[in-house]
């Protein structure tokens, strides 16, 4: 059913890419939050806990980035290609609103 809705909306198989992108954005947010909390930590126990969580978040971000690059969803080393992909995704979203 989900594939039918995706195809009707003109999104094809973008679901996996969208989920991975959201996960990547969430991991970046977690890294920023852990780093800010770490800077404010007042005890060694809290510092150690936050440092471990920050390391996990950084590793997760790396894994997601690698996954997305291997799938062709993210082009970290080819900004022109990434821009073209982002533009295509934007165009798709804009067309969704015009189908009425």
PDB file of N, CA and C in Angstrom:
ATOM      1  N   UNK A   1       0.819  -1.190   0.000  1.00  0.00           N
ATOM      2  CA  UNK A   1       0.000   0.000   0.000  1.00  0.00           C
ATOM      3  C   UNK A   1       0.863   1.255   0.000  1.00  0.00           C
ATOM      4  N   UNK A   2       1.928   1.250   0.795  1.00  0.00           N
ATOM      5  CA  UNK A   2       2.797   2.421   0.860  1.00  0.00           C
ATOM      6  C   UNK A   2       3.421   2.717  -0.499  1.00  0.00           C
ATOM      7  N   UNK A   3       3.826   1.658  -1.228  1.00  0.00           N
ATOM      8  CA  UNK A   3       4.418   1.866  -2.556  1.00  0.00           C
ATOM      9  C   UNK A   3       3.425   2.481  -3.517  1.00  0.00           C
ATOM     10  N   UNK A   4       2.165   2.096  -3.416  1.00  0.00           N
ATOM     11  CA  UNK A   4       1.137   2.664  -4.291  1.00  0.00           C
ATOM     12  C   UNK A   4       0.996   4.158  -4.027  1.00  0.00           C
ATOM     13  N   UNK A   5       0.937   4.523  -2.766  1.00  0.00           N
ATOM     14  CA  UNK A   5       0.811   5.935  -2.406  1.00  0.00           C
ATOM     15  C   UNK A   5       2.042   6.713  -2.855  1.00  0.00           C
ATOM     16  N   UNK A   6       3.232   6.139  -2.674  1.00  0.00           N
ATOM     17  CA  UNK A   6       4.460   6.806  -3.124  1.00  0.00           C
ATOM     18  C   UNK A   6       4.428   7.036  -4.620  1.00  0.00           C
ATOM     19  N   UNK A   7       4.024   6.038  -5.380  1.00  0.00           N
ATOM     20  CA  UNK A   7       3.989   6.163  -6.836  1.00  0.00           C
ATOM     21  C   UNK A   7       2.957   7.178  -7.289  1.00  0.00           C
ATOM     22  N   UNK A   8       1.795   7.199  -6.652  1.00  0.00           N
ATOM     23  CA  UNK A   8       0.769   8.182  -6.991  1.00  0.00           C
ATOM     24  C   UNK A   8       1.286   9.593  -6.718  1.00  0.00           C
ATOM     25  N   UNK A   9       2.015   9.759  -5.617  1.00  0.00           N
ATOM     26  CA  UNK A   9       2.535  11.071  -5.239  1.00  0.00           C
ATOM     27  C   UNK A   9       3.770  11.450  -6.041  1.00  0.00           C
ATOM     28  N   UNK A  10       4.269  10.537  -6.867  1.00  0.00           N
ATOM     29  CA  UNK A  10       5.455  10.820  -7.661  1.00  0.00           C
ATOM     30  C   UNK A  10       6.755  10.706  -6.897  1.00  0.00           C
ATOM     31  N   UNK A  11       6.724  10.008  -5.782  1.00  0.00           N
ATOM     32  CA  UNK A  11       7.912   9.899  -4.948  1.00  0.00           C
ATOM     33  C   UNK A  11       8.674   8.601  -5.164  1.00  0.00           C
ATOM     34  N   UNK A  12       8.109   7.646  -5.918  1.00  0.00           N
ATOM     35  CA  UNK A  12       8.819   6.410  -6.191  1.00  0.00           C
ATOM     36  C   UNK A  12       9.295   5.731  -4.927  1.00  0.00           C
ATOM     37  N   UNK A  13      10.572   5.380  -4.882  1.00  0.00           N
ATOM     38  CA  UNK A  13      11.152   4.676  -3.738  1.00  0.00           C
ATOM     39  C   UNK A  13      11.940   5.614  -2.834  1.00  0.00           C
ATOM     40  N   UNK A  14      11.492   6.824  -2.665  1.00  0.00           N
ATOM     41  CA  UNK A  14      12.216   7.797  -1.860  1.00  0.00           C
ATOM     42  C   UNK A  14      12.080   7.564  -0.362  1.00  0.00           C
ATOM     43  N   UNK A  15      11.193   6.690   0.069  1.00  0.00           N
ATOM     44  CA  UNK A  15      10.942   6.505   1.492  1.00  0.00           C
ATOM     45  C   UNK A  15      12.214   6.157   2.257  1.00  0.00           C
ATOM     46  N   UNK A  16      12.978   5.208   1.764  1.00  0.00           N
ATOM     47  CA  UNK A  16      14.214   4.812   2.447  1.00  0.00           C
ATOM     48  C   UNK A  16      15.175   5.990   2.553  1.00  0.00           C
ATOM     49  N   UNK A  17      15.289   6.750   1.497  1.00  0.00           N
ATOM     50  CA  UNK A  17      16.169   7.916   1.493  1.00  0.00           C
ATOM     51  C   UNK A  17      15.685   8.969   2.483  1.00  0.00           C
ATOM     52  N   UNK A  18      14.397   9.188   2.545  1.00  0.00           N
ATOM     53  CA  UNK A  18      13.836  10.168   3.470  1.00  0.00           C
ATOM     54  C   UNK A  18      14.086   9.740   4.914  1.00  0.00           C
ATOM     55  N   UNK A  19      13.872   8.466   5.195  1.00  0.00           N
ATOM     56  CA  UNK A  19      14.107   7.961   6.554  1.00  0.00           C
ATOM     57  C   UNK A  19      15.575   8.110   6.927  1.00  0.00           C
ATOM     58  N   UNK A  20      16.465   7.737   6.026  1.00  0.00           N
ATOM     59  CA  UNK A  20      17.902   7.851   6.302  1.00  0.00           C
ATOM     60  C   UNK A  20      18.293   9.312   6.509  1.00  0.00           C
ATOM     61  N   UNK A  21      17.750  10.207   5.693  1.00  0.00           N
ATOM     62  CA  UNK A  21      18.055  11.637   5.833  1.00  0.00           C
ATOM     63  C   UNK A  21      17.578  12.170   7.181  1.00  0.00           C
ATOM     64  N   UNK A  22      16.365  11.773   7.581  1.00  0.00           N
ATOM     65  CA  UNK A  22      15.851  12.198   8.887  1.00  0.00           C
ATOM     66  C   UNK A  22      16.721  11.668  10.017  1.00  0.00           C
ATOM     67  N   UNK A  23      17.167  10.422   9.874  1.00  0.00           N
ATOM     68  CA  UNK A  23      18.032   9.820  10.887  1.00  0.00           C
ATOM     69  C   UNK A  23      19.371  10.565  10.952  1.00  0.00           C
ATOM     70  N   UNK A  24      19.904  10.939   9.802  1.00  0.00           N
ATOM     71  CA  UNK A  24      21.161  11.680   9.760  1.00  0.00           C
ATOM     72  C   UNK A  24      21.011  13.032  10.450  1.00  0.00           C
ATOM     73  N   UNK A  25      19.922  13.729  10.156  1.00  0.00           N
ATOM     74  CA  UNK A  25      19.666  15.028  10.776  1.00  0.00           C
ATOM     75  C   UNK A  25      19.505  14.877  12.290  1.00  0.00           C
ATOM     76  N   UNK A  26      18.792  13.841  12.711  1.00  0.00           N
ATOM     77  CA  UNK A  26      18.604  13.599  14.146  1.00  0.00           C
ATOM     78  C   UNK A  26      19.929  13.296  14.836  1.00  0.00           C
ATOM     79  N   UNK A  27      20.801  12.552  14.153  1.00  0.00           N
ATOM     80  CA  UNK A  27      22.094  12.238  14.775  1.00  0.00           C
ATOM     81  C   UNK A  27      22.953  13.493  14.905  1.00  0.00           C
ATOM     82  N   UNK A  28      22.864  14.389  13.939  1.00  0.00           N
ATOM     83  CA  UNK A  28      23.600  15.665  14.047  1.00  0.00           C
ATOM     84  C   UNK A  28      23.091  16.474  15.227  1.00  0.00           C
ATOM     85  N   UNK A  29      21.785  16.485  15.388  1.00  0.00           N
ATOM     86  CA  UNK A  29      21.190  17.208  16.515  1.00  0.00           C
ATOM     87  C   UNK A  29      21.633  16.604  17.846  1.00  0.00           C
ATOM     88  N   UNK A  30      21.668  15.287  17.922  1.00  0.00           N
ATOM     89  CA  UNK A  30      22.114  14.617  19.150  1.00  0.00           C
ATOM     90  C   UNK A  30      23.562  14.966  19.460  1.00  0.00           C
ATOM     91  N   UNK A  31      24.408  14.999  18.442  1.00  0.00           N
ATOM     92  CA  UNK A  31      25.817  15.347  18.651  1.00  0.00           C
ATOM     93  C   UNK A  31      25.934  16.741  19.237  1.00  0.00           C
ATOM     94  N   UNK A  32      25.199  17.686  18.677  1.00  0.00           N
ATOM     95  CA  UNK A  32      25.233  19.062  19.184  1.00  0.00           C
ATOM     96  C   UNK A  32      24.736  19.129  20.625  1.00  0.00           C
ATOM     97  N   UNK A  33      23.678  18.406  20.910  1.00  0.00           N
ATOM     98  CA  UNK A  33      23.115  18.427  22.263  1.00  0.00           C
ATOM     99  C   UNK A  33      24.061  17.803  23.283  1.00  0.00           C
ATOM    100  N   UNK A  34      24.647  16.661  22.925  1.00  0.00           N
ATOM    101  CA  UNK A  34      25.594  16.029  23.843  1.00  0.00           C
ATOM    102  C   UNK A  34      26.821  16.908  24.061  1.00  0.00           C
ATOM    103  N   UNK A  35      27.309  17.545  23.014  1.00  0.00           N
ATOM    104  CA  UNK A  35      28.480  18.421  23.151  1.00  0.00           C
ATOM    105  C   UNK A  35      28.166  19.606  24.062  1.00  0.00           C
ATOM    106  N   UNK A  36      26.989  20.192  23.901  1.00  0.00           N
ATOM    107  CA  UNK A  36      26.596  21.311  24.761  1.00  0.00           C
ATOM    108  C   UNK A  36      26.450  20.856  26.207  1.00  0.00           C
ATOM    109  N   UNK A  37      25.820  19.715  26.418  1.00  0.00           N
ATOM    110  CA  UNK A  37      25.652  19.196  27.774  1.00  0.00           C
ATOM    111  C   UNK A  37      26.998  18.851  28.391  1.00  0.00           C
ATOM    112  N   UNK A  38      27.891  18.302  27.596  1.00  0.00           N
ATOM    113  CA  UNK A  38      29.225  17.949  28.088  1.00  0.00           C
ATOM    114  C   UNK A  38      29.977  19.190  28.563  1.00  0.00           C
ATOM    115  N   UNK A  39      29.809  20.279  27.841  1.00  0.00           N
ATOM    116  CA  UNK A  39      30.476  21.530  28.235  1.00  0.00           C
ATOM    117  C   UNK A  39      29.949  22.062  29.563  1.00  0.00           C
ATOM    118  N   UNK A  40      28.746  21.691  29.928  1.00  0.00           N
ATOM    119  CA  UNK A  40      28.131  22.170  31.165  1.00  0.00           C
ATOM    120  C   UNK A  40      28.209  21.164  32.309  1.00  0.00           C
ATOM    121  N   UNK A  41      28.715  19.973  32.043  1.00  0.00           N
ATOM    122  CA  UNK A  41      28.762  18.925  33.068  1.00  0.00           C
ATOM    123  C   UNK A  41      29.612  19.361  34.247  1.00  0.00           C
ATOM    124  N   UNK A  42      29.145  18.999  35.443  1.00  0.00           N
ATOM    125  CA  UNK A  42      29.839  19.460  36.648  1.00  0.00           C
ATOM    126  C   UNK A  42      30.486  18.344  37.461  1.00  0.00           C
ATOM    127  N   UNK A  43      30.222  17.092  37.098  1.00  0.00           N
ATOM    128  CA  UNK A  43      30.840  15.999  37.847  1.00  0.00           C
ATOM    129  C   UNK A  43      31.526  15.043  36.869  1.00  0.00           C
ATOM    130  N   UNK A  44      32.555  14.347  37.327  1.00  0.00           N
ATOM    131  CA  UNK A  44      33.237  13.384  36.457  1.00  0.00           C
ATOM    132  C   UNK A  44      32.313  12.274  35.952  1.00  0.00           C
ATOM    133  N   UNK A  45      31.364  11.853  36.782  1.00  0.00           N
ATOM    134  CA  UNK A  45      30.447  10.798  36.375  1.00  0.00           C
ATOM    135  C   UNK A  45      29.570  11.241  35.211  1.00  0.00           C
ATOM    136  N   UNK A  46      29.043  12.454  35.314  1.00  0.00           N
ATOM    137  CA  UNK A  46      28.201  12.984  34.246  1.00  0.00           C
ATOM    138  C   UNK A  46      29.036  13.211  32.986  1.00  0.00           C
ATOM    139  N   UNK A  47      30.238  13.739  33.175  1.00  0.00           N
ATOM    140  CA  UNK A  47      31.134  13.974  32.040  1.00  0.00           C
ATOM    141  C   UNK A  47      31.421  12.670  31.299  1.00  0.00           C
ATOM    142  N   UNK A  48      31.745  11.624  32.029  1.00  0.00           N
ATOM    143  CA  UNK A  48      32.046  10.331  31.412  1.00  0.00           C
ATOM    144  C   UNK A  48      30.837   9.749  30.690  1.00  0.00           C
ATOM    145  N   UNK A  49      29.676   9.863  31.307  1.00  0.00           N
ATOM    146  CA  UNK A  49      28.453   9.353  30.683  1.00  0.00           C
ATOM    147  C   UNK A  49      28.163  10.101  29.381  1.00  0.00           C
ATOM    148  N   UNK A  50      28.233  11.424  29.445  1.00  0.00           N
ATOM    149  CA  UNK A  50      27.959  12.228  28.253  1.00  0.00           C
ATOM    150  C   UNK A  50      29.000  11.998  27.154  1.00  0.00           C
ATOM    151  N   UNK A  51      30.256  11.822  27.564  1.00  0.00           N
ATOM    152  CA  UNK A  51      31.309  11.567  26.573  1.00  0.00           C
ATOM    153  C   UNK A  51      31.039  10.249  25.844  1.00  0.00           C
ATOM    154  N   UNK A  52      30.598   9.249  26.573  1.00  0.00           N
ATOM    155  CA  UNK A  52      30.247   7.962  25.949  1.00  0.00           C
ATOM    156  C   UNK A  52      29.067   8.111  24.999  1.00  0.00           C
ATOM    157  N   UNK A  53      28.055   8.859  25.421  1.00  0.00           N
ATOM    158  CA  UNK A  53      26.895   9.094  24.561  1.00  0.00           C
ATOM    159  C   UNK A  53      27.290   9.887  23.312  1.00  0.00           C
ATOM    160  N   UNK A  54      28.167  10.869  23.486  1.00  0.00           N
ATOM    161  CA  UNK A  54      28.645  11.663  22.348  1.00  0.00           C
ATOM    162  C   UNK A  54      29.415  10.776  21.372  1.00  0.00           C
ATOM    163  N   UNK A  55      30.282   9.931  21.883  1.00  0.00           N
ATOM    164  CA  UNK A  55      31.027   9.011  21.013  1.00  0.00           C
ATOM    165  C   UNK A  55      30.082   8.093  20.231  1.00  0.00           C
ATOM    166  N   UNK A  56      29.055   7.586  20.911  1.00  0.00           N
ATOM    167  CA  UNK A  56      28.073   6.733  20.233  1.00  0.00           C
ATOM    168  C   UNK A  56      27.340   7.501  19.131  1.00  0.00           C
ATOM    169  N   UNK A  57      26.969   8.737  19.428  1.00  0.00           N
ATOM    170  CA  UNK A  57      26.260   9.561  18.440  1.00  0.00           C
ATOM    171  C   UNK A  57      27.142   9.853  17.231  1.00  0.00           C
ATOM    172  N   UNK A  58      28.414  10.120  17.476  1.00  0.00           N
ATOM    173  CA  UNK A  58      29.351  10.383  16.376  1.00  0.00           C
ATOM    174  C   UNK A  58      29.522   9.127  15.520  1.00  0.00           C
ATOM    175  N   UNK A  59      29.656   7.980  16.161  1.00  0.00           N
ATOM    176  CA  UNK A  59      29.785   6.719  15.415  1.00  0.00           C
ATOM    177  C   UNK A  59      28.529   6.423  14.608  1.00  0.00           C
ATOM    178  N   UNK A  60      27.377   6.673  15.197  1.00  0.00           N
ATOM    179  CA  UNK A  60      26.115   6.453  14.490  1.00  0.00           C
ATOM    180  C   UNK A  60      26.023   7.371  13.276  1.00  0.00           C
ATOM    181  N   UNK A  61      26.399   8.610  13.449  1.00  0.00           N
ATOM    182  CA  UNK A  61      26.385   9.565  12.335  1.00  0.00           C
ATOM    183  C   UNK A  61      27.284   9.072  11.206  1.00  0.00           C
ATOM    184  N   UNK A  62      28.439   8.584  11.554  1.00  0.00           N
ATOM    185  CA  UNK A  62      29.357   8.054  10.543  1.00  0.00           C
ATOM    186  C   UNK A  62      28.780   6.864   9.805  1.00  0.00           C
ATOM    187  N   UNK A  63      28.123   5.981  10.533  1.00  0.00           N
ATOM    188  CA  UNK A  63      27.507   4.805   9.914  1.00  0.00           C
ATOM    189  C   UNK A  63      26.368   5.197   8.974  1.00  0.00           C
ATOM    190  N   UNK A  64      25.559   6.150   9.402  1.00  0.00           N
ATOM    191  CA  UNK A  64      24.455   6.603   8.548  1.00  0.00           C
ATOM    192  C   UNK A  64      25.003   7.275   7.289  1.00  0.00           C
ATOM    193  N   UNK A  65      26.020   8.115   7.459  1.00  0.00           N
ATOM    194  CA  UNK A  65      26.624   8.799   6.317  1.00  0.00           C
ATOM    195  C   UNK A  65      27.180   7.791   5.322  1.00  0.00           C
ATOM    196  N   UNK A  66      27.904   6.802   5.819  1.00  0.00           N
ATOM    197  CA  UNK A  66      28.467   5.768   4.947  1.00  0.00           C
ATOM    198  C   UNK A  66      27.358   5.013   4.221  1.00  0.00           C
ATOM    199  N   UNK A  67      26.325   4.653   4.943  1.00  0.00           N
ATOM    200  CA  UNK A  67      25.188   3.953   4.351  1.00  0.00           C
ATOM    201  C   UNK A  67      24.577   4.784   3.226  1.00  0.00           C
ATOM    202  N   UNK A  68      24.330   6.053   3.507  1.00  0.00           N
ATOM    203  CA  UNK A  68      23.706   6.927   2.512  1.00  0.00           C
ATOM    204  C   UNK A  68      24.605   7.134   1.293  1.00  0.00           C
ATOM    205  N   UNK A  69      25.889   7.243   1.514  1.00  0.00           N
ATOM    206  CA  UNK A  69      26.816   7.404   0.393  1.00  0.00           C
ATOM    207  C   UNK A  69      26.863   6.132  -0.446  1.00  0.00           C
ATOM    208  N   UNK A  70      26.889   4.969   0.211  1.00  0.00           N
ATOM    209  CA  UNK A  70      26.906   3.694  -0.522  1.00  0.00           C
ATOM    210  C   UNK A  70      25.641   3.487  -1.351  1.00  0.00           C
ATOM    211  N   UNK A  71      24.511   3.975  -0.849  1.00  0.00           N
ATOM    212  CA  UNK A  71      23.235   3.840  -1.556  1.00  0.00           C
ATOM    213  C   UNK A  71      23.052   4.918  -2.638  1.00  0.00           C
ATOM    214  N   UNK A  72      23.940   5.927  -2.627  1.00  0.00           N
ATOM    215  CA  UNK A  72      23.805   7.021  -3.588  1.00  0.00           C
ATOM    216  C   UNK A  72      22.827   8.094  -3.147  1.00  0.00           C
ATOM    217  N   UNK A  73      22.458   8.093  -1.863  1.00  0.00           N
ATOM    218  CA  UNK A  73      21.522   9.079  -1.338  1.00  0.00           C
ATOM    219  C   UNK A  73      22.212  10.377  -0.944  1.00  0.00           C
ATOM    220  N   UNK A  74      23.512  10.314  -0.734  1.00  0.00           N
ATOM    221  CA  UNK A  74      24.248  11.463  -0.220  1.00  0.00           C
ATOM    222  C   UNK A  74      25.593  11.512  -0.925  1.00  0.00           C
ATOM    223  N   UNK A  75      25.940  12.670  -1.436  1.00  0.00           N
ATOM    224  CA  UNK A  75      27.184  12.846  -2.189  1.00  0.00           C
ATOM    225  C   UNK A  75      28.067  13.882  -1.503  1.00  0.00           C
ATOM    226  N   UNK A  76      28.692  13.470  -0.432  1.00  0.00           N
ATOM    227  CA  UNK A  76      29.497  14.388   0.370  1.00  0.00           C
ATOM    228  C   UNK A  76      30.687  14.956  -0.398  1.00  0.00           C
ATOM    229  N   UNK A  77      31.190  14.220  -1.370  1.00  0.00           N
ATOM    230  CA  UNK A  77      32.387  14.651  -2.090  1.00  0.00           C
ATOM    231  C   UNK A  77      32.093  15.213  -3.472  1.00  0.00           C
ATOM    232  N   UNK A  78      30.810  15.370  -3.791  1.00  0.00           N
ATOM    233  CA  UNK A  78      30.415  15.943  -5.085  1.00  0.00           C
ATOM    234  C   UNK A  78      29.262  16.918  -4.852  1.00  0.00           C
ATOM    235  N   UNK A  79      29.585  18.136  -4.407  1.00  0.00           N
ATOM    236  CA  UNK A  79      28.534  19.102  -4.082  1.00  0.00           C
ATOM    237  C   UNK A  79      27.588  19.398  -5.240  1.00  0.00           C
ATOM    238  N   UNK A  80      28.091  19.430  -6.464  1.00  0.00           N
ATOM    239  CA  UNK A  80      27.225  19.706  -7.613  1.00  0.00           C
ATOM    240  C   UNK A  80      26.182  18.605  -7.779  1.00  0.00           C
ATOM    241  N   UNK A  81      26.605  17.358  -7.622  1.00  0.00           N
ATOM    242  CA  UNK A  81      25.680  16.232  -7.735  1.00  0.00           C
ATOM    243  C   UNK A  81      24.680  16.258  -6.581  1.00  0.00           C
ATOM    244  N   UNK A  82      25.146  16.570  -5.385  1.00  0.00           N
ATOM    245  CA  UNK A  82      24.248  16.650  -4.232  1.00  0.00           C
ATOM    246  C   UNK A  82      23.236  17.769  -4.426  1.00  0.00           C
ATOM    247  N   UNK A  83      23.685  18.905  -4.939  1.00  0.00           N
ATOM    248  CA  UNK A  83      22.774  20.019  -5.196  1.00  0.00           C
ATOM    249  C   UNK A  83      21.697  19.604  -6.203  1.00  0.00           C
ATOM    250  N   UNK A  84      22.095  18.900  -7.248  1.00  0.00           N
ATOM    251  CA  UNK A  84      21.134  18.436  -8.257  1.00  0.00           C
ATOM    252  C   UNK A  84      20.111  17.493  -7.628  1.00  0.00           C
ATOM    253  N   UNK A  85      20.563  16.600  -6.759  1.00  0.00           N
ATOM    254  CA  UNK A  85      19.645  15.682  -6.074  1.00  0.00           C
ATOM    255  C   UNK A  85      18.688  16.451  -5.163  1.00  0.00           C
ATOM    256  N   UNK A  86      19.218  17.440  -4.443  1.00  0.00           N
ATOM    257  CA  UNK A  86      18.384  18.243  -3.555  1.00  0.00           C
ATOM    258  C   UNK A  86      17.355  19.035  -4.357  1.00  0.00           C
ATOM    259  N   UNK A  87      17.779  19.550  -5.499  1.00  0.00           N
ATOM    260  CA  UNK A  87      16.876  20.307  -6.364  1.00  0.00           C
ATOM    261  C   UNK A  87      15.750  19.399  -6.884  1.00  0.00           C
ATOM    262  N   UNK A  88      16.113  18.190  -7.286  1.00  0.00           N
ATOM    263  CA  UNK A  88      15.113  17.242  -7.778  1.00  0.00           C
ATOM    264  C   UNK A  88      14.106  16.900  -6.678  1.00  0.00           C
ATOM    265  N   UNK A  89      14.595  16.694  -5.469  1.00  0.00           N
ATOM    266  CA  UNK A  89      13.697  16.396  -4.344  1.00  0.00           C
ATOM    267  C   UNK A  89      12.778  17.581  -4.065  1.00  0.00           C
ATOM    268  N   UNK A  90      13.325  18.794  -4.144  1.00  0.00           N
ATOM    269  CA  UNK A  90      12.513  19.997  -3.938  1.00  0.00           C
ATOM    270  C   UNK A  90      11.442  20.127  -5.004  1.00  0.00           C
ATOM    271  N   UNK A  91      11.824  19.862  -6.247  1.00  0.00           N
ATOM    272  CA  UNK A  91      10.854  19.923  -7.348  1.00  0.00           C
ATOM    273  C   UNK A  91       9.731  18.914  -7.140  1.00  0.00           C
ATOM    274  N   UNK A  92      10.082  17.722  -6.679  1.00  0.00           N
ATOM    275  CA  UNK A  92       9.079  16.688  -6.425  1.00  0.00           C
ATOM    276  C   UNK A  92       8.095  17.150  -5.356  1.00  0.00           C
ATOM    277  N   UNK A  93       8.610  17.730  -4.289  1.00  0.00           N
ATOM    278  CA  UNK A  93       7.757  18.211  -3.213  1.00  0.00           C
ATOM    279  C   UNK A  93       6.851  19.332  -3.704  1.00  0.00           C
ATOM    280  N   UNK A  94       7.387  20.222  -4.505  1.00  0.00           N
ATOM    281  CA  UNK A  94       6.584  21.328  -5.038  1.00  0.00           C
ATOM    282  C   UNK A  94       5.456  20.805  -5.926  1.00  0.00           C
ATOM    283  N   UNK A  95       5.733  19.778  -6.718  1.00  0.00           N
ATOM    284  CA  UNK A  95       4.709  19.203  -7.591  1.00  0.00           C
ATOM    285  C   UNK A  95       3.598  18.540  -6.786  1.00  0.00           C
ATOM    286  N   UNK A  96       3.922  18.020  -5.606  1.00  0.00           N
ATOM    287  CA  UNK A  96       2.897  17.379  -4.782  1.00  0.00           C
ATOM    288  C   UNK A  96       1.796  18.371  -4.425  1.00  0.00           C
ATOM    289  N   UNK A  97       2.166  19.603  -4.162  1.00  0.00           N
ATOM    290  CA  UNK A  97       1.199  20.619  -3.800  1.00  0.00           C
ATOM    291  C   UNK A  97       0.388  21.114  -4.982  1.00  0.00           C
ATOM    292  N   UNK A  98       0.830  20.851  -6.193  1.00  0.00           N
ATOM    293  CA  UNK A  98       0.155  21.339  -7.395  1.00  0.00           C
ATOM    294  C   UNK A  98      -0.792  20.317  -8.014  1.00  0.00           C
ATOM    295  N   UNK A  99      -0.929  19.147  -7.419  1.00  0.00           N
ATOM    296  CA  UNK A  99      -1.742  18.091  -8.002  1.00  0.00           C
ATOM    297  C   UNK A  99      -3.239  18.294  -7.803  1.00  0.00           C
ATOM    298  N   UNK A 100      -3.612  19.311  -7.066  1.00  0.00           N
ATOM    299  CA  UNK A 100      -5.045  19.554  -6.817  1.00  0.00           C
ATOM    300  C   UNK A 100      -5.724  20.116  -8.025  1.00  0.00           C
TER     301      UNK A 100
END
